[in-house]
């Protein structure tokens, strides 16, 4: 049995971020970005939440080094490889 959850994009007063947890009252749901598995499954790759201090924004990457464009904060889950 696998566990899958939605990865959401939320709007804060200071910018946008990825959010796996429940939305707080001060956040506005913008869209569902996609679905990730909680645990690694066959045919999946890890997805990480990254932060770019230069652009002051968050982004997702399937590389733990965030492709050299930011700092990895944590693993969001595992997504199907294309």
N, C-alpha and C. Protein backbone atom coordinates (compact mmCIF):
# COMPACT_ATOMS: atom_id res chain seq x y z
N UNK A 1 0.85 -1.18 0.00
CA UNK A 1 0.00 0.00 0.00
C UNK A 1 0.90 1.24 0.00
N UNK A 2 0.63 2.17 -0.88
CA UNK A 2 1.46 3.38 -0.96
C UNK A 2 0.66 4.58 -0.48
N UNK A 3 1.41 5.57 -0.03
CA UNK A 3 0.80 6.81 0.45
C UNK A 3 1.17 7.94 -0.50
N UNK A 4 0.17 8.64 -1.02
CA UNK A 4 0.38 9.75 -1.95
C UNK A 4 -0.28 10.98 -1.39
N UNK A 5 0.38 12.14 -1.54
CA UNK A 5 -0.24 13.38 -1.10
C UNK A 5 -0.02 14.45 -2.16
N UNK A 6 -0.86 15.47 -2.10
CA UNK A 6 -0.78 16.57 -3.07
C UNK A 6 0.27 17.57 -2.63
N UNK A 7 0.99 18.10 -3.59
CA UNK A 7 1.94 19.17 -3.33
C UNK A 7 1.26 20.44 -3.79
N UNK A 8 1.11 21.41 -2.90
CA UNK A 8 0.34 22.62 -3.18
C UNK A 8 1.26 23.83 -3.35
N UNK A 9 0.77 24.79 -4.06
CA UNK A 9 1.43 26.08 -4.15
C UNK A 9 0.58 27.08 -3.39
N UNK A 10 1.18 27.77 -2.44
CA UNK A 10 0.45 28.71 -1.59
C UNK A 10 1.01 30.10 -1.73
N UNK A 11 0.17 31.07 -1.48
CA UNK A 11 0.55 32.47 -1.56
C UNK A 11 0.62 33.05 -0.15
N UNK A 12 1.77 33.55 0.23
CA UNK A 12 1.96 34.28 1.48
C UNK A 12 2.02 35.75 1.14
N UNK A 13 1.94 36.58 2.12
CA UNK A 13 2.02 38.02 1.85
C UNK A 13 3.39 38.41 1.29
N UNK A 14 4.42 37.60 1.52
CA UNK A 14 5.76 37.93 1.04
C UNK A 14 6.20 37.09 -0.15
N UNK A 15 5.37 36.19 -0.66
CA UNK A 15 5.75 35.40 -1.82
C UNK A 15 5.08 34.05 -1.84
N UNK A 16 5.52 33.23 -2.78
CA UNK A 16 4.92 31.92 -2.95
C UNK A 16 5.85 30.85 -2.40
N UNK A 17 5.28 29.71 -2.06
CA UNK A 17 6.07 28.58 -1.57
C UNK A 17 5.36 27.28 -1.86
N UNK A 18 6.08 26.17 -1.78
CA UNK A 18 5.47 24.84 -1.87
C UNK A 18 5.06 24.44 -0.47
N UNK A 19 3.95 23.78 -0.35
CA UNK A 19 3.42 23.43 0.97
C UNK A 19 2.84 22.05 0.94
N UNK A 20 3.37 21.13 1.74
CA UNK A 20 2.82 19.78 1.84
C UNK A 20 1.85 19.68 3.00
N UNK A 21 1.99 20.56 3.97
CA UNK A 21 1.19 20.49 5.19
C UNK A 21 -0.13 21.22 5.00
N UNK A 22 -0.98 21.11 5.99
CA UNK A 22 -2.28 21.80 5.94
C UNK A 22 -2.06 23.30 5.85
N UNK A 23 -2.96 23.96 5.16
CA UNK A 23 -2.85 25.41 4.98
C UNK A 23 -3.23 26.13 6.26
N UNK A 24 -2.47 27.13 6.62
CA UNK A 24 -2.81 27.98 7.75
C UNK A 24 -3.82 29.02 7.28
N UNK A 25 -4.48 29.66 8.20
CA UNK A 25 -5.53 30.63 7.87
C UNK A 25 -4.98 31.80 7.06
N UNK A 26 -3.69 32.12 7.20
CA UNK A 26 -3.11 33.28 6.52
C UNK A 26 -2.63 32.95 5.11
N UNK A 27 -2.85 31.74 4.62
CA UNK A 27 -2.38 31.33 3.30
C UNK A 27 -3.55 31.16 2.33
N UNK A 28 -3.28 31.40 1.07
CA UNK A 28 -4.27 31.20 0.03
C UNK A 28 -3.76 30.13 -0.92
N UNK A 29 -4.55 29.07 -1.13
CA UNK A 29 -4.17 28.01 -2.05
C UNK A 29 -4.23 28.55 -3.48
N UNK A 30 -3.13 28.44 -4.21
CA UNK A 30 -3.09 28.89 -5.59
C UNK A 30 -3.42 27.75 -6.55
N UNK A 31 -2.81 26.57 -6.31
CA UNK A 31 -3.02 25.45 -7.22
C UNK A 31 -2.37 24.19 -6.63
N UNK A 32 -2.77 23.05 -7.15
CA UNK A 32 -2.08 21.80 -6.85
C UNK A 32 -0.97 21.65 -7.88
N UNK A 33 0.25 21.52 -7.42
CA UNK A 33 1.40 21.41 -8.32
C UNK A 33 1.55 20.00 -8.87
N UNK A 34 1.12 19.02 -8.11
CA UNK A 34 1.25 17.64 -8.54
C UNK A 34 1.10 16.72 -7.36
N UNK A 35 1.42 15.46 -7.57
CA UNK A 35 1.25 14.46 -6.53
C UNK A 35 2.58 13.77 -6.30
N UNK A 36 2.90 13.53 -5.05
CA UNK A 36 4.15 12.85 -4.70
C UNK A 36 3.85 11.69 -3.75
N UNK A 37 4.64 10.65 -3.87
CA UNK A 37 4.58 9.53 -2.94
C UNK A 37 5.35 9.90 -1.67
N UNK A 38 4.91 9.40 -0.56
CA UNK A 38 5.62 9.63 0.69
C UNK A 38 6.92 8.82 0.73
N UNK A 39 6.89 7.61 0.19
CA UNK A 39 8.06 6.73 0.18
C UNK A 39 8.44 6.41 -1.26
N UNK A 40 9.71 6.04 -1.44
CA UNK A 40 10.19 5.68 -2.77
C UNK A 40 9.42 4.47 -3.29
N UNK A 41 9.01 4.54 -4.55
CA UNK A 41 8.32 3.46 -5.25
C UNK A 41 9.09 3.18 -6.54
N UNK A 42 8.87 2.04 -7.12
CA UNK A 42 9.51 1.72 -8.40
C UNK A 42 9.15 2.78 -9.43
N UNK A 43 10.17 3.30 -10.12
CA UNK A 43 9.94 4.29 -11.18
C UNK A 43 9.78 5.71 -10.68
N UNK A 44 10.15 5.98 -9.42
CA UNK A 44 10.03 7.34 -8.90
C UNK A 44 11.41 7.95 -8.65
N UNK A 45 11.43 9.27 -8.58
CA UNK A 45 12.65 10.01 -8.24
C UNK A 45 12.32 10.94 -7.07
N UNK A 46 13.32 11.25 -6.23
CA UNK A 46 13.06 12.16 -5.13
C UNK A 46 12.80 13.58 -5.64
N UNK A 47 11.97 14.31 -4.92
CA UNK A 47 11.69 15.72 -5.23
C UNK A 47 12.01 16.51 -3.97
N UNK A 48 12.82 17.55 -4.14
CA UNK A 48 13.28 18.36 -3.01
C UNK A 48 12.71 19.77 -3.06
N UNK A 49 12.47 20.34 -1.89
CA UNK A 49 12.10 21.75 -1.78
C UNK A 49 13.41 22.52 -1.66
N UNK A 50 13.58 23.49 -2.53
CA UNK A 50 14.81 24.29 -2.58
C UNK A 50 14.47 25.76 -2.39
N UNK A 51 15.47 26.52 -1.95
CA UNK A 51 15.28 27.96 -1.77
C UNK A 51 16.41 28.71 -2.45
N UNK A 52 16.05 29.71 -3.25
CA UNK A 52 17.02 30.59 -3.88
C UNK A 52 17.06 31.89 -3.11
N UNK A 53 18.18 32.14 -2.42
CA UNK A 53 18.30 33.40 -1.68
C UNK A 53 18.46 34.58 -2.64
N UNK A 54 19.01 34.34 -3.82
CA UNK A 54 19.17 35.41 -4.81
C UNK A 54 17.82 35.90 -5.32
N UNK A 55 16.89 34.96 -5.58
CA UNK A 55 15.57 35.31 -6.09
C UNK A 55 14.52 35.39 -5.00
N UNK A 56 14.89 34.98 -3.79
CA UNK A 56 13.97 34.98 -2.64
C UNK A 56 12.69 34.21 -2.94
N UNK A 57 12.88 32.98 -3.45
CA UNK A 57 11.74 32.14 -3.79
C UNK A 57 12.08 30.67 -3.61
N UNK A 58 11.05 29.85 -3.48
CA UNK A 58 11.21 28.42 -3.38
C UNK A 58 10.94 27.78 -4.74
N UNK A 59 11.54 26.61 -4.96
CA UNK A 59 11.27 25.84 -6.16
C UNK A 59 11.51 24.37 -5.86
N UNK A 60 11.04 23.50 -6.73
CA UNK A 60 11.22 22.06 -6.56
C UNK A 60 12.26 21.57 -7.56
N UNK A 61 13.04 20.58 -7.12
CA UNK A 61 14.06 19.98 -7.97
C UNK A 61 14.13 18.50 -7.67
N UNK A 62 14.53 17.71 -8.66
CA UNK A 62 14.75 16.28 -8.41
C UNK A 62 16.22 16.00 -8.12
N UNK A 63 17.00 17.05 -7.90
CA UNK A 63 18.41 16.92 -7.55
C UNK A 63 18.65 17.53 -6.18
N UNK A 64 19.33 16.80 -5.31
CA UNK A 64 19.53 17.26 -3.93
C UNK A 64 20.41 18.51 -3.86
N UNK A 65 21.18 18.79 -4.92
CA UNK A 65 21.98 20.02 -4.94
C UNK A 65 21.22 21.20 -5.54
N UNK A 66 19.93 20.98 -5.80
CA UNK A 66 19.04 22.01 -6.37
C UNK A 66 19.60 22.60 -7.65
N UNK A 67 20.33 21.78 -8.39
CA UNK A 67 20.88 22.16 -9.69
C UNK A 67 21.80 23.37 -9.60
N UNK A 68 22.36 23.60 -8.40
CA UNK A 68 23.26 24.73 -8.20
C UNK A 68 22.56 26.08 -8.17
N UNK A 69 21.22 26.08 -8.11
CA UNK A 69 20.47 27.34 -8.15
C UNK A 69 19.93 27.76 -6.79
N UNK A 70 20.19 26.95 -5.75
CA UNK A 70 19.68 27.27 -4.42
C UNK A 70 20.12 26.23 -3.41
N UNK A 71 19.48 26.27 -2.26
CA UNK A 71 19.80 25.37 -1.16
C UNK A 71 18.62 24.44 -0.91
N UNK A 72 18.92 23.14 -0.74
CA UNK A 72 17.88 22.17 -0.45
C UNK A 72 17.44 22.32 0.99
N UNK A 73 16.11 22.40 1.20
CA UNK A 73 15.55 22.51 2.54
C UNK A 73 15.12 21.14 3.06
N UNK A 74 14.37 20.39 2.25
CA UNK A 74 13.98 19.03 2.63
C UNK A 74 13.40 18.30 1.43
N UNK A 75 13.25 17.00 1.59
CA UNK A 75 12.64 16.18 0.53
C UNK A 75 11.13 16.26 0.66
N UNK A 76 10.48 16.61 -0.44
CA UNK A 76 9.02 16.70 -0.47
C UNK A 76 8.37 15.32 -0.59
N UNK A 77 9.04 14.42 -1.30
CA UNK A 77 8.51 13.09 -1.54
C UNK A 77 9.15 12.52 -2.78
N UNK A 78 8.42 11.64 -3.45
CA UNK A 78 8.92 10.97 -4.64
C UNK A 78 7.88 11.08 -5.75
N UNK A 79 8.33 11.49 -6.93
CA UNK A 79 7.42 11.66 -8.07
C UNK A 79 7.77 10.66 -9.17
N UNK A 80 6.80 10.36 -10.01
CA UNK A 80 7.04 9.47 -11.13
C UNK A 80 8.07 10.08 -12.08
N UNK A 81 9.03 9.28 -12.49
CA UNK A 81 10.04 9.75 -13.44
C UNK A 81 9.40 9.82 -14.83
N UNK A 82 9.78 10.83 -15.59
CA UNK A 82 9.18 10.97 -16.94
C UNK A 82 9.91 10.13 -17.95
